Amino acid sequence: VQLVESGGGLVQAGGSLRLSCSASGGTFRNYAVAWFRQAPGKEREFVAALSRSGSYPSYSASVKGRFTISRDYVQNTVYLQMNRLKPEDTAVYYCGAKVATQIYWGQGTQVTVSS
């Protein structure tokens, strides 16, 4: 399984970005998918996850109500729509996929929110 993130960038506080994670290899609808992020000097933390069926999204408390995770089974892509961004959302965002007991990661995309 290969994952490639895109869509990161610099945005002002209050703005929006949509991250994409293109998946290849394996069978996309067999993956549970998630977004994590890692800020400088901090550990990687959970942001959002979505089941294989796409029916059960979950979010961290810090992003719930502002971020939306979704997936497109035709494009084999996972999205993270981020609204009302805050400076504390600044981090490298990673897409992850879980297939059985194996976890795969993308290379990450930088999101920087200026105040």
Protein backbone atom coordinates (compact mmCIF):
# COMPACT_ATOMS: atom_id res chain seq x y z
CA VAL A 1 0.00 0.00 0.00
CA GLN A 2 1.32 3.42 -0.97
CA LEU A 3 -0.10 6.67 0.33
CA VAL A 4 0.65 10.13 -1.05
CA GLU A 5 -0.64 13.25 0.72
CA SER A 6 -1.14 16.63 -0.90
CA GLY A 7 -2.95 19.89 -0.30
CA GLY A 8 -0.93 21.34 2.54
CA GLY A 9 0.24 24.93 2.59
CA LEU A 10 0.20 28.26 4.38
CA VAL A 11 -3.15 29.72 5.41
CA GLN A 12 -4.32 32.48 7.73
CA ALA A 13 -6.18 31.68 10.92
CA GLY A 14 -9.85 31.17 10.20
CA GLY A 15 -9.15 29.86 6.72
CA SER A 16 -9.65 26.42 5.16
CA LEU A 17 -7.61 23.73 3.48
CA ARG A 18 -8.45 20.33 2.04
CA LEU A 19 -5.87 17.60 2.30
CA SER A 20 -5.91 14.61 -0.03
CA CYS A 21 -4.37 11.19 0.38
CA SER A 22 -4.13 9.09 -2.77
CA ALA A 23 -3.91 5.35 -2.11
CA SER A 24 -2.59 2.62 -4.37
CA GLY A 25 -1.91 -1.06 -3.90
CA GLY A 26 -4.15 -3.48 -2.09
CA THR A 27 -7.93 -3.02 -2.10
CA PHE A 28 -8.98 0.44 -1.00
CA ARG A 29 -12.26 -0.56 0.59
CA ASN A 30 -10.35 -3.01 2.80
CA TYR A 31 -8.51 -0.17 4.53
CA ALA A 32 -9.54 1.71 7.61
CA VAL A 33 -8.00 5.18 7.14
CA ALA A 34 -6.94 7.99 9.42
CA TRP A 35 -5.19 11.33 9.61
CA PHE A 36 -2.55 12.09 12.22
CA ARG A 37 -0.41 15.16 12.71
CA GLN A 38 2.90 16.02 14.30
CA ALA A 39 3.93 19.49 15.40
CA PRO A 40 7.61 20.38 16.00
CA GLY A 41 8.84 18.92 19.26
CA LYS A 42 5.64 16.98 19.84
CA GLU A 43 4.53 13.41 19.35
CA ARG A 44 2.34 12.36 16.46
CA GLU A 45 -1.30 12.70 17.46
CA PHE A 46 -4.59 11.37 16.17
CA VAL A 47 -6.78 13.74 14.18
CA ALA A 48 -9.55 11.75 12.47
CA ALA A 49 -10.38 8.24 11.31
CA LEU A 50 -12.88 6.55 9.06
CA SER A 51 -13.92 2.91 8.88
CA ARG A 52 -13.68 0.74 5.79
CA SER A 53 -17.34 1.40 5.02
CA GLY A 54 -16.99 5.12 5.58
CA SER A 55 -19.85 5.02 8.05
CA TYR A 56 -18.15 5.74 11.35
CA PRO A 57 -16.00 8.88 11.42
CA SER A 58 -14.19 9.75 14.62
CA TYR A 59 -12.33 12.92 15.56
CA SER A 60 -10.06 14.23 18.24
CA ALA A 61 -11.66 16.72 20.59
CA SER A 62 -9.43 19.51 19.27
CA VAL A 63 -10.74 19.28 15.70
CA LYS A 64 -14.29 17.99 16.11
CA GLY A 65 -16.75 20.34 14.49
CA ARG A 66 -14.05 21.96 12.31
CA PHE A 67 -12.55 19.04 10.34
CA THR A 68 -14.30 16.43 8.20
CA ILE A 69 -12.79 13.16 7.01
CA SER A 70 -14.19 11.45 3.93
CA ARG A 71 -13.20 8.91 1.31
CA ASP A 72 -13.85 8.39 -2.39
CA TYR A 73 -13.93 4.73 -3.45
CA VAL A 74 -13.69 5.58 -7.15
CA GLN A 75 -10.67 7.86 -6.80
CA ASN A 76 -9.14 5.72 -3.98
CA THR A 77 -8.59 8.93 -2.06
CA VAL A 78 -9.05 10.04 1.51
CA TYR A 79 -9.78 13.69 2.26
CA LEU A 80 -9.51 15.92 5.29
CA GLN A 81 -11.49 19.13 5.00
CA MET A 82 -10.16 21.59 7.56
CA ASN A 83 -12.19 24.70 8.37
CA ARG A 84 -11.73 27.52 10.89
CA LEU A 85 -8.05 26.71 11.13
CA LYS A 86 -6.09 27.85 14.16
CA PRO A 87 -2.34 28.43 14.63
CA GLU A 88 -2.25 25.36 16.88
CA ASP A 89 -3.27 23.25 13.88
CA THR A 90 0.18 23.87 12.41
CA ALA A 91 1.85 20.48 11.87
CA VAL A 92 2.88 17.88 9.35
CA TYR A 93 -0.24 15.89 8.53
CA TYR A 94 0.08 12.17 7.79
CA CYS A 95 -2.37 9.82 6.18
CA GLY A 96 -2.47 6.29 7.55
CA ALA A 97 -4.13 3.08 6.39
CA LYS A 98 -4.71 -0.07 8.38
CA VAL A 99 -5.01 -3.38 6.57
CA ALA A 100 -5.53 -6.29 8.97
CA THR A 101 -2.71 -5.71 11.48
CA GLN A 102 -0.44 -3.74 9.13
CA ILE A 103 -0.29 0.05 9.22
CA TYR A 104 0.98 2.15 6.34
CA TRP A 105 1.92 5.85 6.32
CA GLY A 106 2.35 8.53 3.72
CA GLN A 107 5.25 10.97 3.67
CA GLY A 108 3.25 13.83 5.17
CA THR A 109 2.21 17.30 4.06
CA GLN A 110 2.97 20.53 5.92
CA VAL A 111 0.14 22.74 7.13
CA THR A 112 1.06 26.13 8.53
CA VAL A 113 -1.57 28.45 10.01
CA SER A 114 -0.50 32.04 10.60
CA SER A 115 -2.11 34.22 13.25
